[in-house]
Protein backbone atom coordinates (compact mmCIF):
# COMPACT_ATOMS: atom_id res chain seq x y z
CA MET A 1 15.33 8.15 37.87
CA ASN A 2 17.46 8.40 41.00
CA ARG A 3 16.11 8.56 44.53
CA SER A 4 16.84 12.28 45.14
CA LEU A 5 14.90 13.34 42.08
CA ARG A 6 11.96 11.12 43.06
CA CYS A 7 11.93 12.61 46.54
CA LEU A 8 11.94 16.12 45.10
CA LEU A 9 9.07 15.40 42.71
CA THR A 10 7.08 13.74 45.51
CA GLY A 11 7.51 16.79 47.76
CA VAL A 12 6.58 19.21 44.95
CA LEU A 13 3.52 17.16 44.00
CA PHE A 14 2.32 16.90 47.58
CA LEU A 15 2.85 20.58 48.40
CA SER A 16 1.16 21.65 45.16
CA CYS A 17 -1.91 19.52 45.80
CA ALA A 18 -2.11 20.55 49.46
CA PHE A 19 -1.80 24.24 48.57
CA LEU A 20 -4.51 24.03 45.93
CA LEU A 21 -6.84 22.17 48.27
CA VAL A 22 -6.26 24.46 51.25
CA TYR A 23 -6.29 27.76 49.37
CA PRO A 24 -9.90 29.05 48.99
CA PHE A 25 -10.30 28.60 45.27
CA SER A 26 -13.70 27.65 43.92
CA TRP A 27 -12.75 24.28 42.47
CA SER A 28 -15.27 22.16 40.69
CA LEU A 29 -15.93 18.69 42.08
CA PRO A 30 -14.02 16.80 39.38
CA LEU A 31 -10.98 19.04 39.88
CA SER A 32 -11.12 18.68 43.66
CA SER A 33 -11.39 14.88 43.26
CA ALA A 34 -8.34 14.93 40.97
CA LEU A 35 -6.33 16.91 43.54
CA LEU A 36 -7.38 14.52 46.30
CA LEU A 37 -6.34 11.61 44.08
CA LEU A 38 -2.94 13.25 43.41
CA LEU A 39 -2.56 13.77 47.15
CA ASN A 40 -3.00 10.00 47.65
CA VAL A 41 -0.53 9.39 44.82
CA ALA A 42 1.97 11.60 46.68
CA VAL A 43 1.50 9.43 49.78
CA VAL A 44 2.22 6.31 47.68
CA LEU A 45 5.30 7.98 46.21
CA ALA A 46 6.40 8.93 49.73
CA MET A 47 6.31 5.24 50.56
CA THR A 48 8.78 4.47 47.78
CA CYS A 49 11.03 7.41 48.71
CA PHE A 50 10.88 7.68 52.50
CA CYS A 51 9.53 4.29 53.63
CA ILE A 52 7.53 4.11 56.89
CA ARG A 53 8.40 7.56 58.20
CA GLY A 54 7.55 9.14 54.85
CA VAL A 55 4.19 7.35 54.75
CA LEU A 56 3.31 8.45 58.29
CA VAL A 57 4.40 12.08 57.79
CA PHE A 58 2.82 12.50 54.37
CA GLY A 59 -0.30 10.56 55.41
CA LEU A 60 -0.80 12.76 58.48
CA ALA A 61 -0.20 15.91 56.44
CA ALA A 62 -2.65 14.71 53.79
CA PHE A 63 -5.21 13.89 56.50
CA VAL A 64 -4.92 17.43 57.92
CA THR A 65 -5.14 18.92 54.43
CA ILE A 66 -8.31 16.96 53.52
CA LEU A 67 -9.87 17.75 56.88
CA TRP A 68 -9.08 21.46 56.44
CA HIS A 69 -10.43 21.41 52.90
CA SER A 70 -13.67 19.75 53.93
CA LEU A 71 -14.33 21.94 56.97
CA HIS A 72 -13.53 25.30 55.45
CA LEU A 73 -14.87 24.72 52.00
CA SER A 74 -18.04 22.84 53.07
CA GLY A 75 -17.07 19.66 51.29
CA SER A 76 -17.64 16.05 52.22
CA PHE A 77 -14.55 14.60 53.90
CA ILE A 78 -15.65 11.09 54.84
CA LEU A 79 -14.90 9.39 51.52
CA PRO A 80 -11.53 11.15 50.91
CA LEU A 81 -10.44 10.47 54.47
CA ALA A 82 -11.47 6.82 54.21
CA LEU A 83 -9.58 6.46 50.93
CA LEU A 84 -6.50 8.21 52.37
CA SER A 85 -6.62 6.04 55.48
CA ILE A 86 -6.83 2.87 53.42
CA ILE A 87 -3.96 3.96 51.15
CA THR A 88 -1.84 5.16 54.10
CA LEU A 89 -2.40 1.96 56.07
CA ALA A 90 -1.73 -0.15 52.98
CA CYS A 91 1.49 1.76 52.34
CA TYR A 92 2.46 1.55 56.03
CA PHE A 93 1.97 -2.20 56.23
CA ASN A 94 3.68 -2.63 52.89
CA CYS A 95 6.69 -0.66 54.15
CA LEU A 96 6.68 -2.60 57.41
CA HIS A 97 6.60 -5.90 55.53
CA THR A 98 9.28 -4.69 53.15
CA GLU A 99 11.55 -3.64 56.04
CA ARG A 100 11.07 -6.99 57.71
CA LEU A 101 11.92 -8.77 54.48
CA THR A 102 14.90 -6.46 54.00
CA GLN A 103 16.12 -7.09 57.56
CA LYS A 104 15.68 -10.81 57.11
CA ALA A 105 17.50 -10.64 53.79
CA LYS A 106 20.34 -8.70 55.44
CA VAL A 107 20.59 -11.28 58.20
CA GLU A 108 20.59 -14.10 55.66
CA LEU A 109 23.11 -12.23 53.51
CA GLY A 110 25.31 -11.71 56.58
CA ASN A 111 25.06 -15.42 57.35
CA LEU A 112 25.87 -16.25 53.76
CA GLU A 113 28.87 -13.91 53.80
CA GLU A 114 30.04 -15.45 57.08
CA GLU A 115 29.66 -18.94 55.62
CA ASN A 116 31.41 -17.78 52.48
CA ASN A 117 34.31 -16.42 54.55
CA ILE A 118 34.49 -19.68 56.49
CA LEU A 119 34.44 -21.68 53.28
CA THR A 120 37.09 -19.38 51.78
CA VAL A 121 39.35 -19.92 54.81
CA GLU A 122 38.69 -23.66 54.73
CA LEU A 123 39.43 -23.72 51.00
CA HIS A 124 42.68 -21.84 51.62
CA HIS A 125 43.63 -24.31 54.36
CA ALA A 126 42.63 -27.21 52.11
CA CYS A 127 44.86 -25.83 49.31
CA LEU A 128 47.74 -25.46 51.73
CA GLU A 129 47.18 -28.96 53.04
CA ASN A 130 46.96 -30.26 49.48
CA ASN A 131 50.26 -28.57 48.61
CA ASN A 132 51.83 -29.98 51.78
CA LEU A 133 50.58 -33.45 50.91
CA LYS A 134 51.95 -33.11 47.38
CA GLN A 135 55.28 -32.00 48.80
CA LYS A 136 55.32 -34.89 51.26
CA LEU A 137 54.37 -37.34 48.51
CA GLN A 138 57.19 -36.02 46.35
CA ARG A 139 59.58 -36.36 49.28
CA TYR A 140 58.56 -39.97 49.87
CA ILE A 141 58.88 -40.77 46.16
CA THR A 142 62.37 -39.26 46.27
CA LEU A 143 63.16 -41.29 49.39
CA LYS A 144 62.06 -44.47 47.62
CA ASP A 145 64.21 -43.66 44.59
CA LEU A 146 67.11 -42.84 46.91
CA THR A 147 66.66 -46.19 48.69
CA ASP A 148 66.77 -48.05 45.37
CA THR A 149 69.85 -46.14 44.24
CA LEU A 150 71.71 -46.55 47.52
CA SER A 151 70.99 -50.27 47.62
CA SER A 152 72.94 -50.69 44.37
CA THR A 153 75.80 -48.32 45.29
CA LEU A 154 78.88 -50.06 46.68
CA SER A 155 81.26 -47.10 46.52
CA LEU A 156 81.54 -45.14 49.76
CA GLU A 157 82.45 -41.95 47.91
CA LYS A 158 79.45 -42.21 45.57
CA ALA A 159 77.12 -43.10 48.45
CA THR A 160 78.15 -40.12 50.60
CA SER A 161 77.91 -37.73 47.65
CA LEU A 162 74.45 -39.02 46.75
CA ILE A 163 73.22 -38.79 50.36
CA SER A 164 74.33 -35.17 50.85
CA SER A 165 72.98 -34.10 47.45
CA GLU A 166 69.55 -35.76 47.84
CA THR A 167 69.14 -34.57 51.43
CA PHE A 168 69.88 -31.02 50.31
CA ASN A 169 67.34 -31.27 47.47
CA VAL A 170 64.54 -33.10 49.33
CA ILE A 171 64.34 -30.84 52.39
CA GLY A 172 65.54 -27.69 50.63
CA LYS A 173 65.68 -24.33 52.45
CA SER A 174 69.34 -24.78 53.35
CA GLU A 175 72.62 -23.14 52.44
CA ALA A 176 74.61 -26.33 53.05
CA CYS A 177 74.26 -30.04 53.72
CA LEU A 178 77.18 -31.65 55.57
CA LEU A 179 77.84 -35.37 55.94
CA TYR A 180 80.40 -36.33 58.56
CA LEU A 181 81.66 -39.88 59.07
CA VAL A 182 83.29 -41.26 62.20
CA ASP A 183 86.92 -42.36 62.23
CA GLN A 184 86.35 -45.52 64.26
CA ASP A 185 89.99 -45.73 65.39
CA ARG A 186 90.20 -42.16 66.73
CA GLN A 187 86.46 -41.79 67.43
CA ARG A 188 86.42 -38.40 65.75
CA LEU A 189 84.34 -36.90 62.97
CA TYR A 190 85.68 -36.06 59.53
CA LEU A 191 83.90 -34.29 56.67
CA ALA A 192 83.07 -36.89 54.00
CA SER A 193 80.77 -34.96 51.65
CA THR A 194 79.07 -31.58 51.25
CA LYS A 195 76.37 -30.03 49.11
CA ARG A 196 76.36 -26.24 49.07
CA GLN A 197 74.04 -23.65 47.59
CA GLU A 198 77.07 -21.58 46.66
CA ASP A 199 80.33 -23.25 45.66
CA ARG A 200 82.37 -20.46 47.22
CA LEU A 201 80.88 -21.23 50.65
CA GLU A 202 83.80 -22.53 52.72
CA ILE A 203 83.32 -25.23 55.35
CA LYS A 204 86.09 -24.83 57.91
CA ALA A 205 84.82 -27.35 60.49
CA LYS A 206 86.42 -30.40 58.87
CA GLU A 207 86.06 -32.38 62.11
CA GLY A 208 82.67 -30.95 63.09
CA ASP A 209 81.71 -28.13 65.43
CA VAL A 210 80.02 -27.93 68.83
CA PHE A 211 76.62 -28.92 67.36
CA ASP A 212 77.99 -31.94 65.47
CA ASN A 213 79.93 -33.17 68.48
CA TRP A 214 76.81 -32.74 70.64
CA VAL A 215 74.83 -34.99 68.26
CA PHE A 216 77.75 -37.45 68.15
CA LYS A 217 77.98 -37.71 71.93
CA GLN A 218 74.24 -37.62 72.67
CA ARG A 219 73.39 -39.99 69.79
CA THR A 220 70.17 -38.10 69.16
CA ARG A 221 68.85 -35.65 66.60
CA LEU A 222 69.06 -31.90 67.08
CA MET A 223 67.06 -28.88 65.91
CA VAL A 224 68.34 -25.38 66.66
CA LYS A 225 65.88 -22.72 65.50
CA ASP A 226 68.12 -19.81 66.49
CA ILE A 227 71.67 -20.48 67.67
CA LYS A 228 71.71 -17.19 69.59
CA LYS A 229 68.74 -18.23 71.73
CA ASP A 230 69.54 -21.89 72.33
CA PHE A 231 70.49 -22.32 75.99
CA ARG A 232 72.22 -25.67 75.36
CA PHE A 233 75.24 -23.99 73.77
CA SER A 234 77.39 -21.19 75.16
CA ALA A 235 77.74 -17.83 73.43
CA GLN A 236 81.46 -18.38 72.92
CA GLU A 237 80.85 -21.67 71.10
CA VAL A 238 78.09 -20.12 69.00
CA LYS A 239 80.33 -17.26 67.81
CA LYS A 240 82.40 -19.71 65.76
CA GLU A 241 79.33 -20.67 63.76
CA GLU A 242 78.26 -17.05 63.28
CA ALA A 243 81.43 -16.54 61.26
CA ARG A 244 79.88 -18.70 58.50
CA GLY A 245 76.49 -17.08 58.99
CA VAL A 246 74.70 -20.14 60.39
CA GLN A 247 71.55 -19.15 62.30
CA SER A 248 69.51 -22.37 62.35
CA LEU A 249 70.22 -26.04 61.74
CA ILE A 250 68.93 -29.59 61.98
CA SER A 251 71.16 -32.62 62.49
CA ALA A 252 70.72 -36.37 62.93
CA PRO A 253 73.15 -39.17 63.76
CA LEU A 254 73.76 -42.15 61.47
CA VAL A 255 73.27 -45.02 63.90
CA VAL A 256 73.44 -48.76 63.27
CA GLY A 257 72.91 -50.81 66.41
CA ASN A 258 74.94 -49.11 69.13
CA LYS A 259 77.42 -47.63 66.70
CA VAL A 260 77.41 -44.06 65.35
CA LEU A 261 78.70 -44.04 61.77
CA GLY A 262 78.35 -40.32 61.13
CA ILE A 263 76.28 -37.11 61.27
CA LEU A 264 73.92 -35.70 58.61
CA ARG A 265 73.28 -31.97 58.96
CA LEU A 266 71.50 -29.09 57.22
CA ASP A 267 72.05 -25.46 58.17
CA SER A 268 70.88 -22.02 57.06
CA LYS A 269 71.70 -18.36 57.58
CA HIS A 270 68.04 -17.65 58.42
CA PRO A 271 66.65 -18.25 61.96
CA GLU A 272 63.42 -20.13 62.65
CA LEU A 273 63.63 -21.88 59.28
CA TYR A 274 63.21 -25.59 60.07
CA ASP A 275 60.23 -27.38 61.60
CA THR A 276 59.58 -30.80 63.10
CA ASP A 277 58.53 -32.22 59.72
CA ASP A 278 61.95 -31.29 58.27
CA LEU A 279 63.65 -32.96 61.23
CA ARG A 280 61.53 -36.09 60.78
CA ILE A 281 62.47 -36.34 57.09
CA LEU A 282 66.13 -35.82 58.00
CA ASP A 283 65.84 -38.59 60.58
CA ILE A 284 64.48 -40.96 57.91
CA MET A 285 67.26 -40.02 55.50
CA SER A 286 69.88 -40.52 58.20
CA ASP A 287 68.55 -44.06 58.78
CA LEU A 288 68.77 -44.78 55.04
CA ALA A 289 72.24 -43.26 54.94
CA ALA A 290 73.41 -45.33 57.92
CA VAL A 291 72.36 -48.60 56.28
CA ALA A 292 73.87 -47.60 52.91
CA ILE A 293 77.18 -46.50 54.44
CA GLN A 294 77.43 -49.64 56.56
CA THR A 295 76.81 -51.73 53.42
CA THR A 296 79.54 -49.94 51.46
CA MET A 297 81.94 -50.22 54.40
CA PHE A 298 81.25 -53.95 54.66
CA TYR A 299 81.76 -54.32 50.92
CA GLN A 300 85.05 -52.41 51.01
CA LYS A 301 86.18 -54.42 53.99
CA THR A 302 85.30 -57.63 52.19
CA GLN A 303 87.15 -56.44 49.10
CA LYS A 304 90.15 -55.56 51.22
CA LEU A 305 90.09 -58.93 52.98
CA ALA A 306 89.95 -60.65 49.60
CA ILE A 307 93.20 -58.99 48.50
CA THR A 308 94.95 -58.69 51.87
CA ASP A 309 96.92 -61.33 53.73
CA GLY A 310 95.27 -61.83 57.11
CA LEU A 311 98.52 -62.26 59.01
CA THR A 312 100.80 -59.58 57.59
CA GLY A 313 98.32 -57.02 56.29
CA THR A 314 100.09 -56.95 52.91
CA PHE A 315 98.52 -57.82 49.55
CA VAL A 316 98.04 -61.46 48.62
CA HIS A 317 100.00 -63.00 45.75
CA ARG A 318 97.10 -62.98 43.26
CA HIS A 319 96.32 -59.28 43.70
CA PHE A 320 100.01 -58.46 43.61
CA GLN A 321 100.35 -60.10 40.20
CA GLU A 322 97.37 -58.07 38.92
CA ARG A 323 98.89 -54.83 40.19
CA PHE A 324 102.22 -55.90 38.68
CA GLU A 325 100.67 -56.05 35.20
CA GLN A 326 98.87 -52.73 35.72
CA GLU A 327 102.11 -51.07 36.80
CA ILE A 328 103.93 -52.37 33.72
CA SER A 329 101.23 -50.91 31.44
CA ARG A 330 101.23 -47.60 33.30
CA THR A 331 105.02 -47.33 33.25
CA LEU A 332 105.20 -48.03 29.51
CA TRP A 333 102.47 -45.43 28.91
CA THR A 334 104.19 -42.75 30.99
CA ASN A 335 107.71 -43.74 29.89
CA SER A 336 108.86 -44.01 33.52
CA GLN A 337 110.49 -46.80 35.55
CA PHE A 338 110.03 -48.92 38.67
CA ALA A 339 111.90 -51.51 40.69
CA PHE A 340 110.86 -54.96 41.87
CA LEU A 341 112.28 -56.06 45.20
CA MET A 342 112.04 -59.72 46.27
CA ILE A 343 112.76 -60.25 49.98
CA ASP A 344 113.33 -63.51 51.84
CA ILE A 345 113.77 -63.99 55.62
CA ASP A 346 117.08 -65.63 56.41
CA ASN A 347 116.93 -68.95 58.27
CA PHE A 348 113.20 -68.64 58.82
CA LYS A 349 112.77 -72.39 59.25
CA SER A 350 115.08 -72.34 62.25
CA TYR A 351 112.80 -69.85 64.05
CA ASN A 352 109.83 -72.14 63.44
CA ASP A 353 111.76 -75.17 64.66
CA LYS A 354 113.19 -73.44 67.73
CA TYR A 355 110.31 -71.23 68.88
CA GLY A 356 107.28 -72.75 67.15
CA HIS A 357 105.01 -71.65 64.32
CA ILE A 358 103.36 -68.94 66.41
CA ALA A 359 106.77 -67.32 66.80
CA GLY A 360 107.22 -67.62 63.04
CA ASP A 361 103.93 -65.74 62.55
CA ILE A 362 105.18 -63.00 64.89
CA VAL A 363 108.36 -62.64 62.82
CA LEU A 364 106.38 -62.45 59.56
CA LYS A 365 103.99 -59.83 60.94
CA GLN A 366 106.76 -57.69 62.42
CA ILE A 367 108.89 -57.78 59.27
CA ALA A 368 105.86 -56.94 57.09
CA GLY A 369 105.29 -53.83 59.25
CA LEU A 370 108.94 -52.79 58.90
CA ILE A 371 108.84 -53.22 55.11
CA LYS A 372 105.63 -51.15 54.80
CA SER A 373 107.07 -48.40 56.97
CA GLY A 374 110.25 -48.32 54.89
CA VAL A 375 108.69 -47.77 51.44
CA ASN A 376 107.10 -44.68 49.93
CA PRO A 377 103.32 -44.04 49.82
CA GLY A 378 101.94 -45.68 46.71
CA ASP A 379 104.46 -48.51 46.69
CA ILE A 380 102.99 -52.02 46.67
CA VAL A 381 103.95 -54.62 49.26
CA ALA A 382 102.75 -58.24 49.12
CA ARG A 383 103.37 -61.57 50.76
CA TYR A 384 104.85 -63.42 47.83
CA GLY A 385 105.32 -66.86 49.38
CA GLY A 386 105.75 -68.49 52.77
CA GLU A 387 108.50 -66.21 54.10
CA GLU A 388 109.00 -64.15 50.95
CA PHE A 389 107.76 -60.63 50.26
CA GLY A 390 107.46 -58.79 46.95
CA VAL A 391 107.71 -55.00 46.72
CA LEU A 392 107.00 -52.74 43.73
CA LEU A 393 108.80 -49.42 44.13
CA VAL A 394 106.67 -47.24 41.85
CA ASP A 395 108.26 -44.39 39.84
CA THR A 396 111.55 -45.04 41.58
CA PRO A 397 114.93 -44.73 39.82
CA GLN A 398 117.64 -47.35 40.35
CA TYR A 399 119.76 -45.48 42.87
CA GLU A 400 116.71 -44.59 44.98
CA ALA A 401 115.44 -48.18 44.92
CA ILE A 402 118.79 -49.47 46.20
CA LYS A 403 118.72 -46.90 49.04
CA ILE A 404 115.20 -47.99 50.02
CA ALA A 405 116.19 -51.67 49.98
CA GLU A 406 119.24 -51.01 52.13
CA ARG A 407 117.16 -48.94 54.54
CA ILE A 408 114.66 -51.78 54.96
CA LYS A 409 117.46 -54.30 55.52
CA GLU A 410 119.08 -52.13 58.17
CA LYS A 411 115.79 -51.49 59.97
CA ILE A 412 115.10 -55.21 60.19
CA GLU A 413 118.65 -55.97 61.26
CA LYS A 414 118.41 -53.45 64.13
CA GLU A 415 114.95 -54.55 65.20
CA LYS A 416 114.53 -56.65 68.35
CA PHE A 417 112.30 -59.70 68.00
CA VAL A 418 111.01 -61.15 71.27
CA LEU A 419 110.11 -64.80 70.84
CA ARG A 420 109.03 -66.69 73.94
CA ARG A 421 110.49 -63.95 76.12
CA GLU A 422 113.82 -64.29 74.38
CA ALA A 423 115.20 -61.37 72.35
CA THR A 424 116.67 -62.39 69.02
CA LYS A 425 117.73 -60.86 65.72
CA VAL A 426 116.36 -61.50 62.24
CA THR A 427 117.96 -60.64 58.89
CA ILE A 428 116.78 -60.65 55.30
CA SER A 429 118.22 -61.15 51.87
CA ALA A 430 116.84 -59.40 48.79
CA GLY A 431 117.23 -59.19 45.04
CA ILE A 432 116.32 -56.17 42.90
CA ALA A 433 115.37 -55.99 39.22
CA PHE A 434 114.53 -52.84 37.31
CA PHE A 435 111.85 -52.14 34.71
CA PRO A 436 112.34 -51.62 31.81
CA LYS A 437 116.14 -51.84 32.10
CA ASP A 438 116.37 -55.56 33.08
CA ALA A 439 113.19 -56.88 31.47
CA ARG A 440 109.96 -55.69 29.82
CA LYS A 441 107.78 -58.64 30.84
CA ARG A 442 106.51 -59.54 34.28
CA GLU A 443 107.78 -63.13 34.24
CA ASP A 444 111.24 -62.06 33.07
CA LEU A 445 111.49 -59.32 35.69
CA ILE A 446 110.48 -61.73 38.47
CA ARG A 447 113.03 -64.24 37.28
CA ARG A 448 115.81 -61.61 37.30
CA ALA A 449 114.90 -60.51 40.83
CA ASP A 450 114.72 -64.15 41.97
CA MET A 451 118.18 -64.81 40.54
CA ALA A 452 119.52 -61.76 42.39
CA LEU A 453 117.93 -63.08 45.62
CA TYR A 454 119.61 -66.46 45.22
CA LYS A 455 122.87 -64.66 44.64
CA ALA A 456 122.43 -62.79 47.93
CA LYS A 457 121.73 -66.08 49.72
CA ALA A 458 124.78 -67.70 48.14
CA GLU A 459 127.05 -64.81 49.14
CA GLY A 460 126.24 -65.20 52.85
CA LYS A 461 122.75 -63.74 53.30
CA ASN A 462 121.81 -60.42 55.02
CA ARG A 463 122.54 -58.48 51.87
CA ILE A 464 120.99 -56.85 48.77
CA CYS A 465 122.01 -58.01 45.30
CA ILE A 466 121.19 -56.22 42.03
CA SER A 467 120.08 -58.08 38.95
C-alpha cells in the first residue's frame, strides 16, 4: 500500500471516530471504548504517515475529541486521556528517534558516497597511472631491443632507417620522424632517413629548417608545442613549416663528446601534442642513435682505410684485384665491355734522387688526384705498385677509353709540380687492354696492358699504347 493511500485511510479513520465520539449518540460503553481505541490507532497510523508533525496534530485533535466526549456526554476521560497521552508520547519519541537515526544514516550515507567518489577518482587515477607505467615499460623494453639491434648493425643506412622507424613507433603521435646527419666537411645537415605516417607526405627541407638548425647550433633539445606561439622563432620562418602543416615538434641532437653527428626530430600537424616525457624518451633515443651512428661511421672508416692507400687515396692492390674479378663477372653477365689502363710515372726514380722521397710522395699524391678527376664516376682507380696505377674504365667502349687515357696524360703533362720550391713537369706512360676483346681472364688482360705499357716506355715515354 503506498503512502498516499495510507494517509487517506488514516484521515478517514480519525475523522470517523472523532465524529462518532463528538456527535451526541447514545453509545454503549463497549462501543465507545472501541471508538476510543480506533482513535489511538489513528494516532499510531499518523506516526507512520506524517511522522512527528502528524503525531502532534492527530494527538492534540484526539485529546480535544476525548475531552469533548467526556465533558458533554458525562463519561470518564482520565483513562482514555492517559492512554492517548502514553501512545502519543510513545509515537512522538519513536518518530524523534527514527528521524535522528535517519539523519545519522543520511550523514553516514553522504560520507560513504563522498568516500566512494574519492575512491572512484583514485581508482581512475590509478588505472591511468597503471596504463602509463605499462606504456613506459613497453617503451623501455623497445629501447633495450633497439640497443641490442643497433649494437650489431654496422651499416649506416640500416642504422639510420632503424632509428627513424623505432623512434616513430615508440613515441607515436607523429606524422613524421626525420633523422638528419651532419656533413662534417661542410658542417651542414642532410636528410639521412625518414619515417612517415603517409608515404605521400613530402619532406622538402633536405638540409633542415629553422628548428633543426637551431638544435644544431644550440646543441640542445627542443620542444615546440605550437609553432605560432613560440617567441624563439619569427613568423616569417614559421610560415615555411606551416606549408607542410607542422604545428608542434620535438627534436634532439645526436651528440658524441663535443661533436654533433645529427638531429632526431618528430613533428605533428596538431598543436600541444608532445609533453616532457616524450622529449625525455627522444633524448634517450638520440643518445642511442649517436653511439650507433658513430660506431657505423668508425666501421666504415676502418673498412675504407683497409682498402684505401693512405698516401694517394686510391684503392690498394688487393682490393683492386677483387674488384677486377667482380667486374669481369658483371661484364660477362651483362654482355658489356671495359678497359684496363696501367699507368707508370716516367723517370720517377730521378725525382726521388733529386728532391727526396717526400717530393716523390707529393708527385704520387698529385698524380693520383689528377687520374681520379679524369675518369668517370664508377670507374676504379688503384695504386698498383710503387709508382704504377691501375684503372678500370667500367662500361667504356674502346674509343672512349682511349680518349679518357689521353685526357689524363695531357692533364698531367700540363700540371705544375712544385718540389722544394722548384716548379717541374711530370709525364706518364700507359698501356690499355680491352675486355673481352684482348683477353677474357684477369691475368691475361693485365699481361696485355703491361706489354702495352712497356711498349710506350720503349717508344720514348709520355704516350699511350694500345694492346
